[in-house]
Amino acid sequence: MTKKMVKKFRKGDDVVVISGRDKGKTGTILKVLPNDGRIIVQGVNIVKRHTRPSQTNPGGIVEKEATIHCSNIAHADPEDGKPTRIGFKKLEDNRKVRFARRSGEMID
């Protein structure tokens, strides 16, 4: 079921976190991991990692985004930025496009 949910999310989409510690935050998708059903969103689910120094990295405490499950995010409606579900429809030229069910506006 998670692979089906991940098909609706693509890199570069604007999303809203709908549950968890960062509920209400918005961000852009940086990476989609379809096999795990998880997504990395810019500025959401920030964690601290303690890294050792190396030749390229000075080391120390680094803050970076961790993955979030795809069931905890929703697309942001292009009109008002509120969470919306995604639908698919075919256009006259047989292209399959995504649209926001809340406002009916196309995402692709």
PDB file of N, CA and C in Angstrom:
ATOM      1  N   MET A   1       0.818  -1.201   0.000  1.00  0.00           N
ATOM      2  CA  MET A   1       0.000   0.000   0.000  1.00  0.00           C
ATOM      3  C   MET A   1       0.861   1.263   0.000  1.00  0.00           C
ATOM      4  N   THR A   2       2.023   1.208   0.613  1.00  0.00           N
ATOM      5  CA  THR A   2       2.835   2.418   0.666  1.00  0.00           C
ATOM      6  C   THR A   2       3.357   2.812  -0.707  1.00  0.00           C
ATOM      7  N   LYS A   3       3.632   1.833  -1.585  1.00  0.00           N
ATOM      8  CA  LYS A   3       4.101   2.187  -2.920  1.00  0.00           C
ATOM      9  C   LYS A   3       3.032   2.969  -3.665  1.00  0.00           C
ATOM     10  N   LYS A   4       1.763   2.611  -3.428  1.00  0.00           N
ATOM     11  CA  LYS A   4       0.671   3.330  -4.072  1.00  0.00           C
ATOM     12  C   LYS A   4       0.608   4.770  -3.560  1.00  0.00           C
ATOM     13  N   MET A   5       0.833   4.960  -2.258  1.00  0.00           N
ATOM     14  CA  MET A   5       0.803   6.301  -1.685  1.00  0.00           C
ATOM     15  C   MET A   5       1.974   7.135  -2.180  1.00  0.00           C
ATOM     16  N   VAL A   6       3.128   6.496  -2.335  1.00  0.00           N
ATOM     17  CA  VAL A   6       4.319   7.240  -2.733  1.00  0.00           C
ATOM     18  C   VAL A   6       4.223   7.693  -4.185  1.00  0.00           C
ATOM     19  N   LYS A   7       3.445   7.018  -5.017  1.00  0.00           N
ATOM     20  CA  LYS A   7       3.282   7.429  -6.416  1.00  0.00           C
ATOM     21  C   LYS A   7       2.713   8.835  -6.516  1.00  0.00           C
ATOM     22  N   LYS A   8       1.974   9.252  -5.509  1.00  0.00           N
ATOM     23  CA  LYS A   8       1.367  10.581  -5.545  1.00  0.00           C
ATOM     24  C   LYS A   8       2.343  11.683  -5.194  1.00  0.00           C
ATOM     25  N   PHE A   9       3.459  11.344  -4.548  1.00  0.00           N
ATOM     26  CA  PHE A   9       4.445  12.332  -4.134  1.00  0.00           C
ATOM     27  C   PHE A   9       5.651  12.280  -5.065  1.00  0.00           C
ATOM     28  N   ARG A  10       6.100  13.465  -5.492  1.00  0.00           N
ATOM     29  CA  ARG A  10       7.275  13.554  -6.358  1.00  0.00           C
ATOM     30  C   ARG A  10       8.209  14.627  -5.830  1.00  0.00           C
ATOM     31  N   LYS A  11       9.468  14.497  -6.196  1.00  0.00           N
ATOM     32  CA  LYS A  11      10.475  15.465  -5.781  1.00  0.00           C
ATOM     33  C   LYS A  11      10.081  16.857  -6.260  1.00  0.00           C
ATOM     34  N   GLY A  12      10.155  17.839  -5.356  1.00  0.00           N
ATOM     35  CA  GLY A  12       9.808  19.213  -5.708  1.00  0.00           C
ATOM     36  C   GLY A  12       8.392  19.618  -5.347  1.00  0.00           C
ATOM     37  N   ASP A  13       7.554  18.674  -4.918  1.00  0.00           N
ATOM     38  CA  ASP A  13       6.180  19.007  -4.516  1.00  0.00           C
ATOM     39  C   ASP A  13       6.177  19.727  -3.172  1.00  0.00           C
ATOM     40  N   ASP A  14       5.211  20.622  -2.990  1.00  0.00           N
ATOM     41  CA  ASP A  14       5.016  21.288  -1.703  1.00  0.00           C
ATOM     42  C   ASP A  14       4.054  20.458  -0.876  1.00  0.00           C
ATOM     43  N   VAL A  15       4.439  20.169   0.372  1.00  0.00           N
ATOM     44  CA  VAL A  15       3.627  19.322   1.240  1.00  0.00           C
ATOM     45  C   VAL A  15       3.444  19.967   2.607  1.00  0.00           C
ATOM     46  N   VAL A  16       2.440  19.458   3.346  1.00  0.00           N
ATOM     47  CA  VAL A  16       2.134  19.901   4.701  1.00  0.00           C
ATOM     48  C   VAL A  16       2.187  18.672   5.605  1.00  0.00           C
ATOM     49  N   VAL A  17       2.816  18.794   6.773  1.00  0.00           N
ATOM     50  CA  VAL A  17       2.858  17.698   7.736  1.00  0.00           C
ATOM     51  C   VAL A  17       1.527  17.694   8.484  1.00  0.00           C
ATOM     52  N   ILE A  18       0.842  16.535   8.493  1.00  0.00           N
ATOM     53  CA  ILE A  18      -0.486  16.472   9.101  1.00  0.00           C
ATOM     54  C   ILE A  18      -0.501  15.756  10.441  1.00  0.00           C
ATOM     55  N   SER A  19       0.616  15.115  10.838  1.00  0.00           N
ATOM     56  CA  SER A  19       0.662  14.500  12.158  1.00  0.00           C
ATOM     57  C   SER A  19       2.107  14.370  12.604  1.00  0.00           C
ATOM     58  N   GLY A  20       2.282  14.282  13.915  1.00  0.00           N
ATOM     59  CA  GLY A  20       3.613  14.120  14.475  1.00  0.00           C
ATOM     60  C   GLY A  20       4.132  15.389  15.115  1.00  0.00           C
ATOM     61  N   ARG A  21       5.410  15.359  15.433  1.00  0.00           N
ATOM     62  CA  ARG A  21       6.058  16.455  16.153  1.00  0.00           C
ATOM     63  C   ARG A  21       6.045  17.756  15.363  1.00  0.00           C
ATOM     64  N   ASP A  22       6.137  17.671  14.051  1.00  0.00           N
ATOM     65  CA  ASP A  22       6.212  18.855  13.196  1.00  0.00           C
ATOM     66  C   ASP A  22       4.880  19.176  12.522  1.00  0.00           C
ATOM     67  N   LYS A  23       3.781  18.807  13.134  1.00  0.00           N
ATOM     68  CA  LYS A  23       2.459  19.019  12.542  1.00  0.00           C
ATOM     69  C   LYS A  23       2.238  20.494  12.202  1.00  0.00           C
ATOM     70  N   GLY A  24       1.773  20.742  10.970  1.00  0.00           N
ATOM     71  CA  GLY A  24       1.500  22.097  10.522  1.00  0.00           C
ATOM     72  C   GLY A  24       2.615  22.720   9.709  1.00  0.00           C
ATOM     73  N   LYS A  25       3.808  22.159   9.762  1.00  0.00           N
ATOM     74  CA  LYS A  25       4.928  22.709   8.998  1.00  0.00           C
ATOM     75  C   LYS A  25       4.771  22.370   7.515  1.00  0.00           C
ATOM     76  N   THR A  26       5.299  23.248   6.671  1.00  0.00           N
ATOM     77  CA  THR A  26       5.270  23.011   5.240  1.00  0.00           C
ATOM     78  C   THR A  26       6.694  22.956   4.711  1.00  0.00           C
ATOM     79  N   GLY A  27       6.867  22.296   3.586  1.00  0.00           N
ATOM     80  CA  GLY A  27       8.189  22.200   2.987  1.00  0.00           C
ATOM     81  C   GLY A  27       8.113  21.575   1.611  1.00  0.00           C
ATOM     82  N   THR A  28       9.263  21.480   0.979  1.00  0.00           N
ATOM     83  CA  THR A  28       9.376  20.908  -0.355  1.00  0.00           C
ATOM     84  C   THR A  28      10.035  19.541  -0.254  1.00  0.00           C
ATOM     85  N   ILE A  29       9.568  18.596  -1.044  1.00  0.00           N
ATOM     86  CA  ILE A  29      10.130  17.251  -1.024  1.00  0.00           C
ATOM     87  C   ILE A  29      11.515  17.277  -1.649  1.00  0.00           C
ATOM     88  N   LEU A  30      12.505  16.761  -0.896  1.00  0.00           N
ATOM     89  CA  LEU A  30      13.873  16.673  -1.383  1.00  0.00           C
ATOM     90  C   LEU A  30      14.166  15.309  -1.991  1.00  0.00           C
ATOM     91  N   LYS A  31      13.599  14.250  -1.395  1.00  0.00           N
ATOM     92  CA  LYS A  31      13.884  12.896  -1.857  1.00  0.00           C
ATOM     93  C   LYS A  31      12.722  11.982  -1.493  1.00  0.00           C
ATOM     94  N   VAL A  32      12.410  11.033  -2.380  1.00  0.00           N
ATOM     95  CA  VAL A  32      11.354  10.051  -2.149  1.00  0.00           C
ATOM     96  C   VAL A  32      11.996   8.674  -2.103  1.00  0.00           C
ATOM     97  N   LEU A  33      11.682   7.903  -1.071  1.00  0.00           N
ATOM     98  CA  LEU A  33      12.188   6.541  -0.923  1.00  0.00           C
ATOM     99  C   LEU A  33      11.004   5.580  -1.048  1.00  0.00           C
ATOM    100  N   PRO A  34      10.656   5.150  -2.277  1.00  0.00           N
ATOM    101  CA  PRO A  34       9.419   4.389  -2.479  1.00  0.00           C
ATOM    102  C   PRO A  34       9.425   3.005  -1.840  1.00  0.00           C
ATOM    103  N   ASN A  35      10.580   2.350  -1.730  1.00  0.00           N
ATOM    104  CA  ASN A  35      10.609   1.011  -1.144  1.00  0.00           C
ATOM    105  C   ASN A  35      10.302   1.038   0.349  1.00  0.00           C
ATOM    106  N   ASP A  36      10.649   2.137   1.016  1.00  0.00           N
ATOM    107  CA  ASP A  36      10.393   2.269   2.449  1.00  0.00           C
ATOM    108  C   ASP A  36       9.103   3.015   2.743  1.00  0.00           C
ATOM    109  N   GLY A  37       8.538   3.687   1.732  1.00  0.00           N
ATOM    110  CA  GLY A  37       7.347   4.494   1.951  1.00  0.00           C
ATOM    111  C   GLY A  37       7.647   5.752   2.747  1.00  0.00           C
ATOM    112  N   ARG A  38       8.856   6.268   2.606  1.00  0.00           N
ATOM    113  CA  ARG A  38       9.278   7.425   3.383  1.00  0.00           C
ATOM    114  C   ARG A  38       9.753   8.542   2.462  1.00  0.00           C
ATOM    115  N   ILE A  39       9.715   9.771   3.008  1.00  0.00           N
ATOM    116  CA  ILE A  39      10.015  10.956   2.218  1.00  0.00           C
ATOM    117  C   ILE A  39      10.862  11.903   3.061  1.00  0.00           C
ATOM    118  N   ILE A  40      11.803  12.610   2.415  1.00  0.00           N
ATOM    119  CA  ILE A  40      12.595  13.640   3.090  1.00  0.00           C
ATOM    120  C   ILE A  40      12.049  14.993   2.657  1.00  0.00           C
ATOM    121  N   VAL A  41      11.620  15.807   3.641  1.00  0.00           N
ATOM    122  CA  VAL A  41      11.027  17.115   3.376  1.00  0.00           C
ATOM    123  C   VAL A  41      11.950  18.188   3.949  1.00  0.00           C
ATOM    124  N   GLN A  42      12.155  19.244   3.167  1.00  0.00           N
ATOM    125  CA  GLN A  42      13.062  20.323   3.571  1.00  0.00           C
ATOM    126  C   GLN A  42      12.528  21.045   4.804  1.00  0.00           C
ATOM    127  N   GLY A  43      13.356  21.120   5.861  1.00  0.00           N
ATOM    128  CA  GLY A  43      13.011  21.846   7.077  1.00  0.00           C
ATOM    129  C   GLY A  43      12.076  21.121   8.022  1.00  0.00           C
ATOM    130  N   VAL A  44      11.815  19.839   7.782  1.00  0.00           N
ATOM    131  CA  VAL A  44      10.882  19.069   8.616  1.00  0.00           C
ATOM    132  C   VAL A  44      11.620  17.860   9.190  1.00  0.00           C
ATOM    133  N   ASN A  45      11.323  17.515  10.441  1.00  0.00           N
ATOM    134  CA  ASN A  45      11.910  16.362  11.130  1.00  0.00           C
ATOM    135  C   ASN A  45      13.428  16.503  11.211  1.00  0.00           C
ATOM    136  N   ILE A  46      13.874  17.629  11.751  1.00  0.00           N
ATOM    137  CA  ILE A  46      15.301  17.913  11.890  1.00  0.00           C
ATOM    138  C   ILE A  46      15.860  17.101  13.061  1.00  0.00           C
ATOM    139  N   VAL A  47      16.975  16.396  12.806  1.00  0.00           N
ATOM    140  CA  VAL A  47      17.642  15.612  13.841  1.00  0.00           C
ATOM    141  C   VAL A  47      19.099  16.052  13.923  1.00  0.00           C
ATOM    142  N   LYS A  48      19.727  15.784  15.063  1.00  0.00           N
ATOM    143  CA  LYS A  48      21.138  16.126  15.253  1.00  0.00           C
ATOM    144  C   LYS A  48      21.961  14.859  15.158  1.00  0.00           C
ATOM    145  N   ARG A  49      23.044  14.927  14.384  1.00  0.00           N
ATOM    146  CA  ARG A  49      23.963  13.810  14.233  1.00  0.00           C
ATOM    147  C   ARG A  49      25.349  14.256  14.693  1.00  0.00           C
ATOM    148  N   HIS A  50      25.968  13.438  15.523  1.00  0.00           N
ATOM    149  CA  HIS A  50      27.325  13.724  15.970  1.00  0.00           C
ATOM    150  C   HIS A  50      28.283  13.018  15.014  1.00  0.00           C
ATOM    151  N   THR A  51      29.112  13.801  14.322  1.00  0.00           N
ATOM    152  CA  THR A  51      29.995  13.224  13.318  1.00  0.00           C
ATOM    153  C   THR A  51      31.452  13.400  13.722  1.00  0.00           C
ATOM    154  N   ARG A  52      32.248  12.420  13.344  1.00  0.00           N
ATOM    155  CA  ARG A  52      33.691  12.486  13.605  1.00  0.00           C
ATOM    156  C   ARG A  52      34.353  13.354  12.544  1.00  0.00           C
ATOM    157  N   PRO A  53      35.456  13.998  12.890  1.00  0.00           N
ATOM    158  CA  PRO A  53      36.174  14.756  11.870  1.00  0.00           C
ATOM    159  C   PRO A  53      36.837  13.822  10.855  1.00  0.00           C
ATOM    160  N   SER A  54      36.861  14.262   9.612  1.00  0.00           N
ATOM    161  CA  SER A  54      37.564  13.536   8.560  1.00  0.00           C
ATOM    162  C   SER A  54      38.298  14.560   7.703  1.00  0.00           C
ATOM    163  N   GLN A  55      38.878  14.102   6.609  1.00  0.00           N
ATOM    164  CA  GLN A  55      39.637  15.021   5.762  1.00  0.00           C
ATOM    165  C   GLN A  55      38.723  16.060   5.107  1.00  0.00           C
ATOM    166  N   THR A  56      37.489  15.669   4.808  1.00  0.00           N
ATOM    167  CA  THR A  56      36.568  16.598   4.143  1.00  0.00           C
ATOM    168  C   THR A  56      35.595  17.252   5.107  1.00  0.00           C
ATOM    169  N   ASN A  57      35.350  16.628   6.256  1.00  0.00           N
ATOM    170  CA  ASN A  57      34.331  17.090   7.194  1.00  0.00           C
ATOM    171  C   ASN A  57      34.990  17.505   8.506  1.00  0.00           C
ATOM    172  N   PRO A  58      34.722  18.722   9.001  1.00  0.00           N
ATOM    173  CA  PRO A  58      35.348  19.136  10.266  1.00  0.00           C
ATOM    174  C   PRO A  58      34.783  18.408  11.483  1.00  0.00           C
ATOM    175  N   GLY A  59      33.630  17.779  11.358  1.00  0.00           N
ATOM    176  CA  GLY A  59      33.038  17.064  12.484  1.00  0.00           C
ATOM    177  C   GLY A  59      32.194  17.978  13.345  1.00  0.00           C
ATOM    178  N   GLY A  60      31.660  17.440  14.436  1.00  0.00           N
ATOM    179  CA  GLY A  60      30.815  18.202  15.338  1.00  0.00           C
ATOM    180  C   GLY A  60      29.373  17.753  15.241  1.00  0.00           C
ATOM    181  N   ILE A  61      28.476  18.596  15.706  1.00  0.00           N
ATOM    182  CA  ILE A  61      27.047  18.285  15.701  1.00  0.00           C
ATOM    183  C   ILE A  61      26.428  18.886  14.441  1.00  0.00           C
ATOM    184  N   VAL A  62      25.857  18.027  13.614  1.00  0.00           N
ATOM    185  CA  VAL A  62      25.274  18.440  12.334  1.00  0.00           C
ATOM    186  C   VAL A  62      23.765  18.235  12.399  1.00  0.00           C
ATOM    187  N   GLU A  63      23.010  19.253  12.003  1.00  0.00           N
ATOM    188  CA  GLU A  63      21.557  19.116  11.932  1.00  0.00           C
ATOM    189  C   GLU A  63      21.161  18.831  10.492  1.00  0.00           C
ATOM    190  N   LYS A  64      20.302  17.800  10.307  1.00  0.00           N
ATOM    191  CA  LYS A  64      19.848  17.479   8.965  1.00  0.00           C
ATOM    192  C   LYS A  64      18.443  16.904   9.029  1.00  0.00           C
ATOM    193  N   GLU A  65      17.798  16.805   7.862  1.00  0.00           N
ATOM    194  CA  GLU A  65      16.431  16.301   7.793  1.00  0.00           C
ATOM    195  C   GLU A  65      16.442  14.776   7.811  1.00  0.00           C
ATOM    196  N   ALA A  66      15.553  14.199   8.598  1.00  0.00           N
ATOM    197  CA  ALA A  66      15.363  12.753   8.611  1.00  0.00           C
ATOM    198  C   ALA A  66      14.105  12.439   7.810  1.00  0.00           C
ATOM    199  N   THR A  67      13.913  11.159   7.506  1.00  0.00           N
ATOM    200  CA  THR A  67      12.750  10.772   6.706  1.00  0.00           C
ATOM    201  C   THR A  67      11.477  10.856   7.537  1.00  0.00           C
ATOM    202  N   ILE A  68      10.363  11.000   6.833  1.00  0.00           N
ATOM    203  CA  ILE A  68       9.043  11.011   7.459  1.00  0.00           C
ATOM    204  C   ILE A  68       8.157  10.089   6.636  1.00  0.00           C
ATOM    205  N   HIS A  69       7.281   9.358   7.295  1.00  0.00           N
ATOM    206  CA  HIS A  69       6.433   8.407   6.577  1.00  0.00           C
ATOM    207  C   HIS A  69       5.430   9.145   5.704  1.00  0.00           C
ATOM    208  N   CYS A  70       5.130   8.567   4.542  1.00  0.00           N
ATOM    209  CA  CYS A  70       4.280   9.261   3.574  1.00  0.00           C
ATOM    210  C   CYS A  70       2.842   9.430   4.068  1.00  0.00           C
ATOM    211  N   SER A  71       2.426   8.647   5.064  1.00  0.00           N
ATOM    212  CA  SER A  71       1.070   8.803   5.586  1.00  0.00           C
ATOM    213  C   SER A  71       0.948  10.017   6.503  1.00  0.00           C
ATOM    214  N   ASN A  72       2.074  10.610   6.896  1.00  0.00           N
ATOM    215  CA  ASN A  72       2.056  11.756   7.802  1.00  0.00           C
ATOM    216  C   ASN A  72       2.139  13.092   7.076  1.00  0.00           C
ATOM    217  N   ILE A  73       2.114  13.080   5.743  1.00  0.00           N
ATOM    218  CA  ILE A  73       2.150  14.323   4.984  1.00  0.00           C
ATOM    219  C   ILE A  73       1.014  14.341   3.970  1.00  0.00           C
ATOM    220  N   ALA A  74       0.654  15.542   3.542  1.00  0.00           N
ATOM    221  CA  ALA A  74      -0.360  15.732   2.507  1.00  0.00           C
ATOM    222  C   ALA A  74       0.110  16.848   1.592  1.00  0.00           C
ATOM    223  N   HIS A  75      -0.348  16.823   0.361  1.00  0.00           N
ATOM    224  CA  HIS A  75       0.009  17.888  -0.576  1.00  0.00           C
ATOM    225  C   HIS A  75      -0.583  19.214  -0.114  1.00  0.00           C
ATOM    226  N   ALA A  76       0.125  20.283  -0.416  1.00  0.00           N
ATOM    227  CA  ALA A  76      -0.390  21.620  -0.137  1.00  0.00           C
ATOM    228  C   ALA A  76      -1.180  22.075  -1.354  1.00  0.00           C
ATOM    229  N   ASP A  77      -2.388  22.556  -1.118  1.00  0.00           N
ATOM    230  CA  ASP A  77      -3.233  23.035  -2.208  1.00  0.00           C
ATOM    231  C   ASP A  77      -2.565  24.244  -2.866  1.00  0.00           C
ATOM    232  N   PRO A  78      -2.454  24.257  -4.196  1.00  0.00           N
ATOM    233  CA  PRO A  78      -1.802  25.398  -4.861  1.00  0.00           C
ATOM    234  C   PRO A  78      -2.499  26.733  -4.618  1.00  0.00           C
ATOM    235  N   GLU A  79      -3.799  26.720  -4.333  1.00  0.00           N
ATOM    236  CA  GLU A  79      -4.528  27.977  -4.116  1.00  0.00           C
ATOM    237  C   GLU A  79      -4.252  28.593  -2.755  1.00  0.00           C
ATOM    238  N   ASP A  80      -4.437  27.788  -1.677  1.00  0.00           N
ATOM    239  CA  ASP A  80      -4.337  28.379  -0.337  1.00  0.00           C
ATOM    240  C   ASP A  80      -3.328  27.697   0.581  1.00  0.00           C
ATOM    241  N   GLY A  81      -2.653  26.645   0.139  1.00  0.00           N
ATOM    242  CA  GLY A  81      -1.621  26.016   0.943  1.00  0.00           C
ATOM    243  C   GLY A  81      -2.121  25.061   2.004  1.00  0.00           C
ATOM    244  N   LYS A  82      -3.427  24.813   2.069  1.00  0.00           N
ATOM    245  CA  LYS A  82      -3.968  23.873   3.044  1.00  0.00           C
ATOM    246  C   LYS A  82      -3.840  22.439   2.520  1.00  0.00           C
ATOM    247  N   PRO A  83      -3.866  21.438   3.422  1.00  0.00           N
ATOM    248  CA  PRO A  83      -3.709  20.047   2.976  1.00  0.00           C
ATOM    249  C   PRO A  83      -4.837  19.613   2.048  1.00  0.00           C
ATOM    250  N   THR A  84      -4.486  18.830   1.046  1.00  0.00           N
ATOM    251  CA  THR A  84      -5.465  18.323   0.094  1.00  0.00           C
ATOM    252  C   THR A  84      -5.069  16.927  -0.349  1.00  0.00           C
ATOM    253  N   ARG A  85      -6.053  16.187  -0.841  1.00  0.00           N
ATOM    254  CA  ARG A  85      -5.765  14.894  -1.442  1.00  0.00           C
ATOM    255  C   ARG A  85      -5.494  15.090  -2.920  1.00  0.00           C
ATOM    256  N   ILE A  86      -4.926  14.065  -3.538  1.00  0.00           N
ATOM    257  CA  ILE A  86      -4.536  14.144  -4.941  1.00  0.00           C
ATOM    258  C   ILE A  86      -5.379  13.179  -5.754  1.00  0.00           C
ATOM    259  N   GLY A  87      -5.808  13.633  -6.930  1.00  0.00           N
ATOM    260  CA  GLY A  87      -6.512  12.777  -7.864  1.00  0.00           C
ATOM    261  C   GLY A  87      -5.771  12.748  -9.187  1.00  0.00           C
ATOM    262  N   PHE A  88      -6.117  11.774 -10.004  1.00  0.00           N
ATOM    263  CA  PHE A  88      -5.528  11.655 -11.329  1.00  0.00           C
ATOM    264  C   PHE A  88      -6.630  11.774 -12.358  1.00  0.00           C
ATOM    265  N   LYS A  89      -6.323  12.428 -13.476  1.00  0.00           N
ATOM    266  CA  LYS A  89      -7.272  12.471 -14.588  1.00  0.00           C
ATOM    267  C   LYS A  89      -6.499  12.547 -15.892  1.00  0.00           C
ATOM    268  N   LYS A  90      -7.177  12.122 -16.967  1.00  0.00           N
ATOM    269  CA  LYS A  90      -6.564  12.160 -18.294  1.00  0.00           C
ATOM    270  C   LYS A  90      -7.068  13.372 -19.039  1.00  0.00           C
ATOM    271  N   LEU A  91      -6.154  14.028 -19.736  1.00  0.00           N
ATOM    272  CA  LEU A  91      -6.517  15.168 -20.553  1.00  0.00           C
ATOM    273  C   LEU A  91      -6.892  14.693 -21.956  1.00  0.00           C
ATOM    274  N   GLU A  92      -7.281  15.645 -22.814  1.00  0.00           N
ATOM    275  CA  GLU A  92      -7.691  15.300 -24.177  1.00  0.00           C
ATOM    276  C   GLU A  92      -6.552  14.649 -24.964  1.00  0.00           C
ATOM    277  N   ASP A  93      -5.311  15.052 -24.677  1.00  0.00           N
ATOM    278  CA  ASP A  93      -4.162  14.494 -25.400  1.00  0.00           C
ATOM    279  C   ASP A  93      -3.609  13.234 -24.726  1.00  0.00           C
ATOM    280  N   ASN A  94      -4.440  12.559 -23.907  1.00  0.00           N
ATOM    281  CA  ASN A  94      -4.118  11.295 -23.228  1.00  0.00           C
ATOM    282  C   ASN A  94      -2.949  11.394 -22.249  1.00  0.00           C
ATOM    283  N   ARG A  95      -2.685  12.596 -21.722  1.00  0.00           N
ATOM    284  CA  ARG A  95      -1.699  12.736 -20.660  1.00  0.00           C
ATOM    285  C   ARG A  95      -2.387  12.529 -19.327  1.00  0.00           C
ATOM    286  N   LYS A  96      -1.747  11.779 -18.426  1.00  0.00           N
ATOM    287  CA  LYS A  96      -2.272  11.564 -17.081  1.00  0.00           C
ATOM    288  C   LYS A  96      -1.656  12.610 -16.170  1.00  0.00           C
ATOM    289  N   VAL A  97      -2.484  13.437 -15.523  1.00  0.00           N
ATOM    290  CA  VAL A  97      -1.989  14.518 -14.677  1.00  0.00           C
ATOM    291  C   VAL A  97      -2.587  14.398 -13.281  1.00  0.00           C
ATOM    292  N   ARG A  98      -1.901  15.008 -12.316  1.00  0.00           N
ATOM    293  CA  ARG A  98      -2.384  15.050 -10.940  1.00  0.00           C
ATOM    294  C   ARG A  98      -3.102  16.370 -10.707  1.00  0.00           C
ATOM    295  N   PHE A  99      -4.156  16.328  -9.884  1.00  0.00           N
ATOM    296  CA  PHE A  99      -4.864  17.557  -9.533  1.00  0.00           C
ATOM    297  C   PHE A  99      -5.242  17.521  -8.058  1.00  0.00           C
ATOM    298  N   ALA A 100      -5.396  18.715  -7.478  1.00  0.00           N
ATOM    299  CA  ALA A 100      -5.781  18.847  -6.076  1.00  0.00           C
ATOM    300  C   ALA A 100      -7.289  18.671  -5.979  1.00  0.00           C
ATOM    301  N   ARG A 101      -7.743  17.740  -5.170  1.00  0.00           N
ATOM    302  CA  ARG A 101      -9.180  17.480  -5.035  1.00  0.00           C
ATOM    303  C   ARG A 101      -9.900  18.619  -4.316  1.00  0.00           C
ATOM    304  N   ARG A 102      -9.186  19.368  -3.521  1.00  0.00           N
ATOM    305  CA  ARG A 102      -9.806  20.446  -2.747  1.00  0.00           C
ATOM    306  C   ARG A 102     -10.250  21.600  -3.644  1.00  0.00           C
ATOM    307  N   SER A 103      -9.363  21.991  -4.579  1.00  0.00           N
ATOM    308  CA  SER A 103      -9.674  23.128  -5.421  1.00  0.00           C
ATOM    309  C   SER A 103      -9.862  22.751  -6.893  1.00  0.00           C
ATOM    310  N   GLY A 104      -9.439  21.557  -7.285  1.00  0.00           N
ATOM    311  CA  GLY A 104      -9.541  21.141  -8.666  1.00  0.00           C
ATOM    312  C   GLY A 104      -8.405  21.642  -9.536  1.00  0.00           C
ATOM    313  N   GLU A 105      -7.433  22.313  -8.949  1.00  0.00           N
ATOM    314  CA  GLU A 105      -6.320  22.879  -9.723  1.00  0.00           C
ATOM    315  C   GLU A 105      -5.278  21.790 -10.012  1.00  0.00           C
ATOM    316  N   MET A 106      -4.697  21.857 -11.222  1.00  0.00           N
ATOM    317  CA  MET A 106      -3.706  20.861 -11.623  1.00  0.00           C
ATOM    318  C   MET A 106      -2.376  21.116 -10.917  1.00  0.00           C
ATOM    319  N   ILE A 107      -1.683  20.014 -10.577  1.00  0.00           N
ATOM    320  CA  ILE A 107      -0.378  20.106  -9.930  1.00  0.00           C
ATOM    321  C   ILE A 107       0.738  19.941 -10.947  1.00  0.00           C
ATOM    322  N   ASP A 108       0.553  19.040 -11.909  1.00  0.00           N
ATOM    323  CA  ASP A 108       1.566  18.831 -12.964  1.00  0.00           C
ATOM    324  C   ASP A 108       1.373  19.810 -14.089  1.00  0.00           C
TER     325      ASP A 108
END
